[in-house]
Amino acid sequence: MSKEEMFKELSDAIISCKKDVVIAAVNKAKGQGIAPAEIIEKGLAAGMNEVGVMFERGKLFLPHVMMAAGA
């Protein structure tokens, strides 16, 4: 799996708002040798940005944003 695919998987995991999915994706990325800073910046933060956009558009509500942030 390429880095870009891994970052997409991390982002999707955050958007899912499921902590166990996020943890599994992070562990998978770490296992592939991706640096923690890249995991956060290009995967998790990108997912949170998308959650913010979805919230602004009314597609997600505050509880979803809080669950995503908690994950």
C-alpha atoms as a PDB file:
ATOM      1  CA  MET A   1       0.000   0.000   0.000  1.00  0.00           C
ATOM      2  CA  SER A   2       1.378   3.404  -0.966  1.00  0.00           C
ATOM      3  CA  LYS A   3       1.754   6.254   1.495  1.00  0.00           C
ATOM      4  CA  GLU A   4      -1.052   8.164  -0.194  1.00  0.00           C
ATOM      5  CA  GLU A   5      -3.396   5.187   0.208  1.00  0.00           C
ATOM      6  CA  MET A   6      -2.364   4.886   3.843  1.00  0.00           C
ATOM      7  CA  PHE A   7      -3.060   8.588   4.454  1.00  0.00           C
ATOM      8  CA  LYS A   8      -6.495   8.159   2.826  1.00  0.00           C
ATOM      9  CA  GLU A   9      -7.189   5.190   5.114  1.00  0.00           C
ATOM     10  CA  LEU A  10      -6.184   7.267   8.163  1.00  0.00           C
ATOM     11  CA  SER A  11      -8.355  10.159   7.034  1.00  0.00           C
ATOM     12  CA  ASP A  12     -11.326   7.862   6.417  1.00  0.00           C
ATOM     13  CA  ALA A  13     -10.819   6.315   9.850  1.00  0.00           C
ATOM     14  CA  ILE A  14     -11.144   9.735  11.494  1.00  0.00           C
ATOM     15  CA  ILE A  15     -14.224  10.540   9.418  1.00  0.00           C
ATOM     16  CA  SER A  16     -15.793   7.259  10.589  1.00  0.00           C
ATOM     17  CA  CYS A  17     -15.655   8.598  14.185  1.00  0.00           C
ATOM     18  CA  LYS A  18     -14.707   5.125  15.448  1.00  0.00           C
ATOM     19  CA  LYS A  19     -11.759   5.008  17.838  1.00  0.00           C
ATOM     20  CA  ASP A  20     -10.927   1.342  17.203  1.00  0.00           C
ATOM     21  CA  VAL A  21     -10.761   1.944  13.434  1.00  0.00           C
ATOM     22  CA  VAL A  22      -8.433   4.926  13.982  1.00  0.00           C
ATOM     23  CA  ILE A  23      -6.143   2.940  16.283  1.00  0.00           C
ATOM     24  CA  ALA A  24      -5.953   0.068  13.780  1.00  0.00           C
ATOM     25  CA  ALA A  25      -5.122   2.463  10.929  1.00  0.00           C
ATOM     26  CA  VAL A  26      -2.430   4.218  12.980  1.00  0.00           C
ATOM     27  CA  ASN A  27      -0.848   0.901  13.968  1.00  0.00           C
ATOM     28  CA  LYS A  28      -0.906  -0.215  10.334  1.00  0.00           C
ATOM     29  CA  ALA A  29       0.799   3.023   9.239  1.00  0.00           C
ATOM     30  CA  LYS A  30       3.424   2.682  11.961  1.00  0.00           C
ATOM     31  CA  GLY A  31       4.028  -0.900  10.833  1.00  0.00           C
ATOM     32  CA  GLN A  32       4.738   0.369   7.323  1.00  0.00           C
ATOM     33  CA  GLY A  33       7.394   2.704   8.698  1.00  0.00           C
ATOM     34  CA  ILE A  34       5.527   5.977   8.237  1.00  0.00           C
ATOM     35  CA  ALA A  35       6.812   8.680  10.572  1.00  0.00           C
ATOM     36  CA  PRO A  36       4.467   9.740  13.393  1.00  0.00           C
ATOM     37  CA  ALA A  37       4.527  13.369  12.215  1.00  0.00           C
ATOM     38  CA  GLU A  38       3.344  12.291   8.757  1.00  0.00           C
ATOM     39  CA  ILE A  39       0.622  10.105  10.256  1.00  0.00           C
ATOM     40  CA  ILE A  40      -0.693  13.105  12.176  1.00  0.00           C
ATOM     41  CA  GLU A  41      -0.252  15.793   9.514  1.00  0.00           C
ATOM     42  CA  LYS A  42      -1.188  13.954   6.322  1.00  0.00           C
ATOM     43  CA  GLY A  43      -3.632  11.412   7.704  1.00  0.00           C
ATOM     44  CA  LEU A  44      -5.339  12.335  10.945  1.00  0.00           C
ATOM     45  CA  ALA A  45      -5.332  16.125  10.533  1.00  0.00           C
ATOM     46  CA  ALA A  46      -6.600  15.776   6.969  1.00  0.00           C
ATOM     47  CA  GLY A  47      -9.480  13.686   8.292  1.00  0.00           C
ATOM     48  CA  MET A  48     -10.311  16.261  10.947  1.00  0.00           C
ATOM     49  CA  ASN A  49     -10.263  18.996   8.293  1.00  0.00           C
ATOM     50  CA  GLU A  50     -12.803  17.012   6.279  1.00  0.00           C
ATOM     51  CA  VAL A  51     -14.932  16.517   9.414  1.00  0.00           C
ATOM     52  CA  GLY A  52     -14.882  20.303   9.881  1.00  0.00           C
ATOM     53  CA  VAL A  53     -15.992  20.889   6.302  1.00  0.00           C
ATOM     54  CA  MET A  54     -18.793  18.340   6.670  1.00  0.00           C
ATOM     55  CA  PHE A  55     -19.882  20.029   9.915  1.00  0.00           C
ATOM     56  CA  GLU A  56     -19.974  23.451   8.228  1.00  0.00           C
ATOM     57  CA  ARG A  57     -22.128  22.020   5.436  1.00  0.00           C
ATOM     58  CA  GLY A  58     -24.564  20.489   7.916  1.00  0.00           C
ATOM     59  CA  LYS A  59     -23.679  16.899   7.002  1.00  0.00           C
ATOM     60  CA  LEU A  60     -22.295  16.139  10.469  1.00  0.00           C
ATOM     61  CA  PHE A  61     -23.402  17.407  13.825  1.00  0.00           C
ATOM     62  CA  LEU A  62     -21.438  18.400  16.909  1.00  0.00           C
ATOM     63  CA  PRO A  63     -21.549  14.922  18.526  1.00  0.00           C
ATOM     64  CA  HIS A  64     -19.901  13.476  15.398  1.00  0.00           C
ATOM     65  CA  VAL A  65     -17.189  16.130  15.489  1.00  0.00           C
ATOM     66  CA  MET A  66     -16.543  15.375  19.162  1.00  0.00           C
ATOM     67  CA  MET A  67     -16.371  11.612  18.477  1.00  0.00           C
ATOM     68  CA  ALA A  68     -13.938  12.171  15.602  1.00  0.00           C
ATOM     69  CA  ALA A  69     -11.760  14.404  17.767  1.00  0.00           C
ATOM     70  CA  GLY A  70     -11.824  11.828  20.558  1.00  0.00           C
ATOM     71  CA  ALA A  71     -10.754   9.119  18.152  1.00  0.00           C
END
